[in-house]
N, C-alpha and C. Protein backbone atom coordinates (compact mmCIF):
# COMPACT_ATOMS: atom_id res chain seq x y z
N MET A 1 21.31 1.84 -7.48
CA MET A 1 20.43 2.63 -8.32
C MET A 1 19.05 1.97 -8.34
N LYS A 2 18.01 2.77 -8.22
CA LYS A 2 16.64 2.26 -8.26
C LYS A 2 16.21 2.02 -9.69
N THR A 3 15.40 0.99 -9.88
CA THR A 3 14.83 0.67 -11.18
C THR A 3 13.37 1.08 -11.18
N ILE A 4 12.99 1.85 -12.20
CA ILE A 4 11.62 2.37 -12.31
C ILE A 4 11.04 1.91 -13.64
N GLN A 5 9.78 1.47 -13.62
CA GLN A 5 9.06 1.10 -14.83
C GLN A 5 7.81 1.96 -14.96
N PHE A 6 7.36 2.15 -16.19
CA PHE A 6 6.09 2.80 -16.46
C PHE A 6 5.37 1.97 -17.49
N ILE A 7 4.19 1.46 -17.16
CA ILE A 7 3.40 0.68 -18.11
C ILE A 7 2.05 1.36 -18.32
N TYR A 8 1.57 1.33 -19.54
CA TYR A 8 0.28 1.92 -19.86
C TYR A 8 -0.29 1.25 -21.11
N LEU A 9 -1.54 1.53 -21.39
CA LEU A 9 -2.25 0.78 -22.44
C LEU A 9 -2.07 1.32 -23.84
N THR A 10 -1.87 2.60 -24.02
CA THR A 10 -1.86 3.17 -25.36
C THR A 10 -0.45 3.34 -25.92
N ALA A 11 0.45 2.47 -25.54
CA ALA A 11 1.84 2.58 -25.99
C ALA A 11 1.98 2.41 -27.50
N PHE A 12 1.08 1.66 -28.13
CA PHE A 12 1.24 1.33 -29.54
C PHE A 12 0.16 1.93 -30.43
N SER A 13 -0.60 2.87 -29.91
CA SER A 13 -1.64 3.51 -30.72
C SER A 13 -1.84 4.94 -30.27
N LYS A 14 -2.53 5.70 -31.09
CA LYS A 14 -2.80 7.08 -30.74
C LYS A 14 -4.13 7.25 -30.02
N THR A 15 -4.97 6.22 -30.02
CA THR A 15 -6.25 6.31 -29.35
C THR A 15 -6.30 5.31 -28.21
N GLY A 16 -6.98 5.69 -27.16
CA GLY A 16 -7.08 4.81 -25.99
C GLY A 16 -8.41 4.09 -26.00
N GLY A 17 -8.80 3.67 -24.84
CA GLY A 17 -10.09 3.02 -24.69
C GLY A 17 -9.97 1.54 -24.45
N ILE A 18 -11.02 1.00 -23.93
CA ILE A 18 -11.05 -0.42 -23.60
C ILE A 18 -10.93 -1.30 -24.84
N GLU A 19 -11.37 -0.79 -26.00
CA GLU A 19 -11.28 -1.56 -27.24
C GLU A 19 -9.84 -1.87 -27.61
N LYS A 20 -8.93 -1.01 -27.24
CA LYS A 20 -7.52 -1.20 -27.57
C LYS A 20 -6.78 -2.06 -26.56
N PHE A 21 -7.44 -2.40 -25.45
CA PHE A 21 -6.75 -3.12 -24.37
C PHE A 21 -6.11 -4.41 -24.87
N ASN A 22 -6.89 -5.27 -25.50
CA ASN A 22 -6.35 -6.56 -25.94
C ASN A 22 -5.31 -6.41 -27.03
N LYS A 23 -5.43 -5.39 -27.84
CA LYS A 23 -4.46 -5.17 -28.91
C LYS A 23 -3.11 -4.73 -28.34
N ASN A 24 -3.14 -3.86 -27.36
CA ASN A 24 -1.91 -3.27 -26.84
C ASN A 24 -1.19 -4.12 -25.81
N VAL A 25 -1.94 -4.88 -25.02
CA VAL A 25 -1.30 -5.70 -23.99
C VAL A 25 -1.05 -7.07 -24.59
N LYS A 26 0.15 -7.22 -25.15
CA LYS A 26 0.49 -8.48 -25.81
C LYS A 26 1.25 -9.37 -24.86
N ILE A 27 1.30 -10.64 -25.20
CA ILE A 27 1.96 -11.66 -24.39
C ILE A 27 3.42 -11.28 -24.11
N LYS A 28 4.11 -10.77 -25.10
CA LYS A 28 5.51 -10.40 -24.93
C LYS A 28 5.66 -9.33 -23.85
N MET A 29 4.77 -8.35 -23.84
CA MET A 29 4.82 -7.28 -22.84
C MET A 29 4.55 -7.83 -21.45
N LEU A 30 3.60 -8.75 -21.33
CA LEU A 30 3.27 -9.35 -20.04
C LEU A 30 4.47 -10.11 -19.48
N PHE A 31 5.12 -10.93 -20.32
CA PHE A 31 6.28 -11.68 -19.85
C PHE A 31 7.43 -10.76 -19.46
N HIS A 32 7.60 -9.67 -20.21
CA HIS A 32 8.65 -8.71 -19.88
C HIS A 32 8.39 -8.09 -18.50
N CYS A 33 7.17 -7.69 -18.24
CA CYS A 33 6.82 -7.09 -16.95
C CYS A 33 7.06 -8.08 -15.81
N LEU A 34 6.66 -9.32 -16.00
CA LEU A 34 6.85 -10.33 -14.97
C LEU A 34 8.32 -10.65 -14.76
N LYS A 35 9.08 -10.69 -15.85
CA LYS A 35 10.50 -10.99 -15.77
C LYS A 35 11.27 -9.89 -15.02
N THR A 36 10.88 -8.65 -15.21
CA THR A 36 11.59 -7.52 -14.60
C THR A 36 11.01 -7.09 -13.26
N ALA A 37 9.92 -7.72 -12.83
CA ALA A 37 9.25 -7.30 -11.59
C ALA A 37 10.18 -7.36 -10.38
N LYS A 38 11.00 -8.39 -10.29
CA LYS A 38 11.88 -8.55 -9.13
C LYS A 38 12.93 -7.46 -9.03
N LYS A 39 13.25 -6.81 -10.16
CA LYS A 39 14.26 -5.76 -10.17
C LYS A 39 13.66 -4.36 -10.07
N THR A 40 12.34 -4.26 -10.09
CA THR A 40 11.68 -2.96 -10.12
C THR A 40 11.45 -2.44 -8.70
N ASP A 41 11.89 -1.21 -8.46
CA ASP A 41 11.68 -0.57 -7.16
C ASP A 41 10.40 0.26 -7.14
N LEU A 42 10.10 0.89 -8.28
CA LEU A 42 8.94 1.77 -8.37
C LEU A 42 8.25 1.52 -9.71
N LEU A 43 6.94 1.29 -9.67
CA LEU A 43 6.17 1.00 -10.88
C LEU A 43 5.09 2.06 -11.05
N PHE A 44 5.12 2.77 -12.16
CA PHE A 44 4.06 3.71 -12.53
C PHE A 44 3.12 2.96 -13.47
N VAL A 45 1.83 3.02 -13.19
CA VAL A 45 0.83 2.32 -13.99
C VAL A 45 -0.12 3.35 -14.59
N GLY A 46 -0.30 3.29 -15.91
CA GLY A 46 -1.08 4.30 -16.61
C GLY A 46 -2.54 3.96 -16.82
N HIS A 47 -3.00 2.79 -16.36
CA HIS A 47 -4.41 2.45 -16.54
C HIS A 47 -4.82 1.41 -15.51
N ILE A 48 -6.00 1.57 -14.96
CA ILE A 48 -6.50 0.68 -13.92
C ILE A 48 -6.72 -0.74 -14.42
N ASN A 49 -6.94 -0.92 -15.71
CA ASN A 49 -7.15 -2.27 -16.26
C ASN A 49 -5.89 -3.13 -16.21
N LEU A 50 -4.76 -2.53 -15.86
CA LEU A 50 -3.53 -3.29 -15.69
C LEU A 50 -3.40 -3.85 -14.28
N ALA A 51 -4.42 -3.66 -13.45
CA ALA A 51 -4.39 -4.10 -12.05
C ALA A 51 -4.07 -5.59 -11.89
N PRO A 52 -4.64 -6.50 -12.69
CA PRO A 52 -4.29 -7.91 -12.50
C PRO A 52 -2.80 -8.18 -12.70
N LEU A 53 -2.21 -7.56 -13.71
CA LEU A 53 -0.78 -7.71 -13.96
C LEU A 53 0.02 -7.13 -12.80
N VAL A 54 -0.39 -5.97 -12.31
CA VAL A 54 0.31 -5.32 -11.21
C VAL A 54 0.24 -6.17 -9.94
N CYS A 55 -0.89 -6.79 -9.70
CA CYS A 55 -1.03 -7.66 -8.52
C CYS A 55 -0.05 -8.83 -8.58
N VAL A 56 0.10 -9.43 -9.75
CA VAL A 56 1.05 -10.53 -9.89
C VAL A 56 2.47 -10.03 -9.72
N MET A 57 2.77 -8.86 -10.29
CA MET A 57 4.10 -8.28 -10.13
C MET A 57 4.39 -8.00 -8.66
N LYS A 58 3.39 -7.52 -7.95
CA LYS A 58 3.55 -7.22 -6.52
C LYS A 58 3.79 -8.50 -5.71
N LEU A 59 3.18 -9.60 -6.11
CA LEU A 59 3.44 -10.89 -5.45
C LEU A 59 4.88 -11.33 -5.65
N LEU A 60 5.43 -11.02 -6.82
CA LEU A 60 6.82 -11.38 -7.11
C LEU A 60 7.82 -10.48 -6.40
N ASN A 61 7.40 -9.25 -6.08
CA ASN A 61 8.29 -8.28 -5.45
C ASN A 61 7.50 -7.43 -4.46
N LYS A 62 7.43 -7.87 -3.24
CA LYS A 62 6.63 -7.20 -2.22
C LYS A 62 7.15 -5.82 -1.85
N ARG A 63 8.43 -5.54 -2.09
CA ARG A 63 8.98 -4.23 -1.74
C ARG A 63 8.75 -3.17 -2.82
N MET A 64 8.25 -3.59 -4.00
CA MET A 64 8.00 -2.67 -5.09
C MET A 64 6.88 -1.70 -4.72
N LYS A 65 7.10 -0.42 -4.95
CA LYS A 65 6.09 0.61 -4.74
C LYS A 65 5.34 0.79 -6.05
N VAL A 66 4.03 1.03 -5.96
CA VAL A 66 3.18 1.17 -7.14
C VAL A 66 2.44 2.48 -7.09
N ILE A 67 2.47 3.22 -8.20
CA ILE A 67 1.70 4.46 -8.34
C ILE A 67 0.80 4.28 -9.56
N VAL A 68 -0.51 4.43 -9.37
CA VAL A 68 -1.48 4.28 -10.46
C VAL A 68 -2.05 5.65 -10.81
N PHE A 69 -1.98 6.02 -12.09
CA PHE A 69 -2.59 7.25 -12.57
C PHE A 69 -4.04 6.96 -12.90
N THR A 70 -4.96 7.68 -12.25
CA THR A 70 -6.39 7.47 -12.51
C THR A 70 -7.02 8.72 -13.05
């Protein structure tokens, strides 16, 4: 079975924007993404500002496919 993840910035608020970036992307979420990267087959990304995290995840799992919503 394939494992699919979806990460995005406004998971914990009703408004988006760069101002919410630091509030929504918490350390716990970052560690969870890195911990599960090796098991993820397909990653949906909901914001381009998550690119640094996605790059690290891709280094951990080169076979992972990434789709970014822009």
